[in-house]
Protein backbone atom coordinates (compact mmCIF):
# COMPACT_ATOMS: atom_id res chain seq x y z
CA MET A 1 -11.06 77.23 26.46
CA MET A 2 -13.28 74.07 25.20
CA ASN A 3 -12.83 70.73 27.34
CA THR A 4 -13.26 68.06 25.01
CA SER A 5 -14.38 64.86 26.44
CA ILE A 6 -14.60 61.21 25.40
CA THR A 7 -17.72 61.69 24.47
CA ASP A 8 -17.23 64.71 21.96
CA ILE A 9 -15.12 62.48 19.76
CA ASP A 10 -16.36 61.78 16.35
CA LEU A 11 -17.19 58.41 16.64
CA SER A 12 -17.69 58.81 12.61
CA SER A 13 -13.88 59.52 11.98
CA LEU A 14 -12.81 56.31 14.44
CA LYS A 15 -15.21 54.24 12.84
CA ASN A 16 -13.52 55.36 9.15
CA ALA A 17 -9.52 55.00 10.61
CA LEU A 18 -10.81 51.61 12.02
CA THR A 19 -12.26 50.37 9.14
CA THR A 20 -9.18 51.97 6.55
CA ALA A 21 -6.80 49.92 8.89
CA THR A 22 -8.81 46.68 9.02
CA LEU A 23 -9.03 46.95 5.15
CA SER A 24 -4.91 47.34 4.83
CA GLN A 25 -4.19 44.62 6.77
CA GLN A 26 -6.69 42.35 4.99
CA MET A 27 -5.28 43.47 1.58
CA VAL A 28 -1.68 43.03 3.44
CA SER A 29 -3.03 39.78 4.18
CA LEU A 30 -4.23 38.87 0.55
CA ALA A 31 -0.73 39.75 -1.00
CA ASN A 32 0.93 37.38 1.07
CA SER A 33 -1.59 34.80 1.26
CA THR A 34 -1.32 35.52 -2.90
CA PHE A 35 2.84 34.80 -2.35
CA ARG A 36 2.91 31.57 0.16
CA LEU A 37 0.73 30.39 -3.09
CA ALA A 38 3.05 31.21 -6.04
CA ALA A 39 5.37 29.99 -3.94
CA SER A 40 3.91 26.79 -3.23
CA ALA A 41 2.74 26.57 -7.36
CA ILE A 42 6.47 27.22 -8.63
CA THR A 43 7.89 24.27 -5.35
CA ARG A 44 5.07 22.06 -6.83
CA LEU A 45 6.12 22.54 -11.21
CA GLN A 46 9.98 22.84 -9.98
CA GLN A 47 9.07 18.74 -7.91
CA GLN A 48 7.37 17.70 -11.06
CA GLN A 49 9.94 18.52 -13.66
CA ARG A 50 12.66 17.21 -11.53
CA CYS A 51 9.86 13.41 -11.25
CA GLU A 52 9.48 13.76 -15.27
CA ALA A 53 13.58 14.31 -15.79
CA GLU A 54 13.86 11.05 -12.77
CA LEU A 55 11.32 9.20 -15.34
CA ALA A 56 12.99 9.70 -18.13
CA SER A 57 16.67 8.23 -16.89
CA LEU A 58 14.74 5.21 -15.54
CA ALA A 59 12.83 4.33 -19.16
CA HIS A 60 15.31 2.03 -20.06
CA LEU A 61 14.60 -0.32 -17.17
CA PRO A 62 12.84 -3.15 -17.19
CA GLU A 63 9.36 -2.75 -14.91
CA TYR A 64 8.74 -5.86 -11.89
CA SER A 65 5.31 -5.96 -10.82
CA LEU A 66 5.01 -5.67 -6.48
CA GLU A 67 3.85 -9.73 -7.41
CA GLN A 68 7.40 -10.16 -9.02
CA VAL A 69 9.72 -8.26 -6.48
CA SER A 70 8.07 -11.10 -4.03
CA TRP A 71 9.07 -13.91 -5.20
CA HIS A 72 13.00 -12.68 -4.19
CA ASP A 73 12.11 -12.72 -0.69
CA GLN A 74 15.29 -15.51 0.43
CA GLN A 75 19.06 -15.01 1.69
CA ASP A 76 20.37 -16.07 -1.81
CA ASP A 77 17.78 -13.36 -3.31
CA CYS A 78 17.18 -10.88 -1.91
CA TRP A 79 15.28 -7.50 -4.17
CA ILE A 80 13.89 -4.58 -2.96
CA VAL A 81 11.37 -1.46 -3.34
CA LEU A 82 12.44 1.96 -2.11
CA ASN A 83 10.20 5.27 -4.08
CA ASP A 84 8.86 2.67 -7.23
CA LYS A 85 12.35 1.49 -8.28
CA VAL A 86 13.18 -1.70 -8.12
CA TYR A 87 16.79 -3.17 -5.94
CA ASN A 88 18.46 -6.76 -6.00
CA VAL A 89 20.24 -6.27 -2.14
CA THR A 90 21.01 -9.65 -2.72
CA LYS A 91 24.95 -8.77 -2.44
CA LEU A 92 23.60 -6.49 0.61
CA ILE A 93 22.11 -8.30 2.91
CA HIS A 94 25.37 -10.12 4.86
CA ASN A 95 27.11 -6.71 5.12
CA HIS A 96 24.03 -3.99 5.97
CA PRO A 97 25.20 -2.38 9.38
CA GLY A 98 21.56 -3.30 10.80
CA GLY A 99 21.75 -6.39 9.40
CA LEU A 100 20.22 -9.81 7.72
CA GLU A 101 17.40 -9.91 10.10
CA VAL A 102 16.53 -5.76 9.09
CA MET A 103 17.02 -6.95 5.59
CA MET A 104 14.93 -10.46 5.48
CA GLU A 105 12.18 -8.22 7.33
CA GLN A 106 11.39 -5.79 4.05
CA ALA A 107 12.50 -8.71 1.45
CA GLY A 108 10.18 -9.39 -1.16
CA ARG A 109 8.12 -6.06 -0.32
CA ASP A 110 8.27 -1.94 -0.96
CA ALA A 111 10.47 -0.81 1.99
CA THR A 112 10.53 2.54 1.48
CA LEU A 113 8.79 3.57 4.24
CA ALA A 114 11.52 1.15 6.50
CA PHE A 115 13.72 2.76 4.54
CA ARG A 116 13.34 6.35 4.81
CA SER A 117 12.16 6.85 8.69
CA VAL A 118 15.99 4.62 9.31
CA GLY A 119 17.29 7.57 8.26
CA HIS A 120 20.39 7.10 6.22
CA SER A 121 22.82 9.35 4.90
CA ILE A 122 23.41 10.78 1.22
CA ASP A 123 25.79 9.01 0.84
CA THR A 124 23.64 5.30 1.57
CA ILE A 125 21.00 6.38 -0.86
CA GLU A 126 23.53 7.33 -3.68
CA GLN A 127 24.88 3.83 -3.11
CA VAL A 128 21.82 1.66 -3.80
CA ASP A 129 21.96 2.90 -6.48
CA GLU A 130 24.41 0.44 -7.67
CA PHE A 131 21.71 -2.04 -7.38
CA LEU A 132 19.30 -0.78 -9.14
CA VAL A 133 17.48 -3.31 -11.55
CA GLY A 134 13.90 -1.78 -12.51
CA ILE A 135 11.31 0.54 -11.95
CA LEU A 136 7.42 -0.39 -10.68
CA PRO A 137 4.59 -0.55 -13.06
CA VAL A 138 2.96 2.46 -13.59
CA ARG A 139 -0.23 2.25 -11.65
CA GLU A 140 1.43 0.20 -8.93
CA ARG A 141 3.94 3.36 -8.04
CA MET A 142 3.38 5.89 -5.89
CA TYR A 143 6.44 8.70 -5.21
CA LEU A 144 7.71 8.54 -9.49
CA ARG A 145 3.86 9.88 -11.11
CA SER A 146 3.65 11.64 -14.41
CA ALA A 147 1.62 14.37 -14.91
CA LYS A 148 0.60 13.30 -18.23
């Protein structure tokens, strides 16, 4: 009977086995990365298509610049911008759950970040569309951009 010690193991066989395992792990990792990249590309394409569809639905609206919106910063004439869309919220400011002060802080400005940070409900987001009066010009948009 032959007694085998650790030093008798063929080191090249061990090295080949490790190399094969490492190569397999690298191939799985590469495949995983490829799938994630493809999923990301599909998601971006879908977002772009939704944006294009929304832009098409807004094409009939007049364009108002941020400067023009800034002229409407009073209680009796209050406009704000949300996601590149211009809203006349004059009728809303006195009934806003957050109070008149909250609305007047954003009057005549882009209120997108403030609006998003509060975490308004889906119903609120949908209801604000009744106050939609226009859209920002392309050069001033941050959210609604065409791929063209």
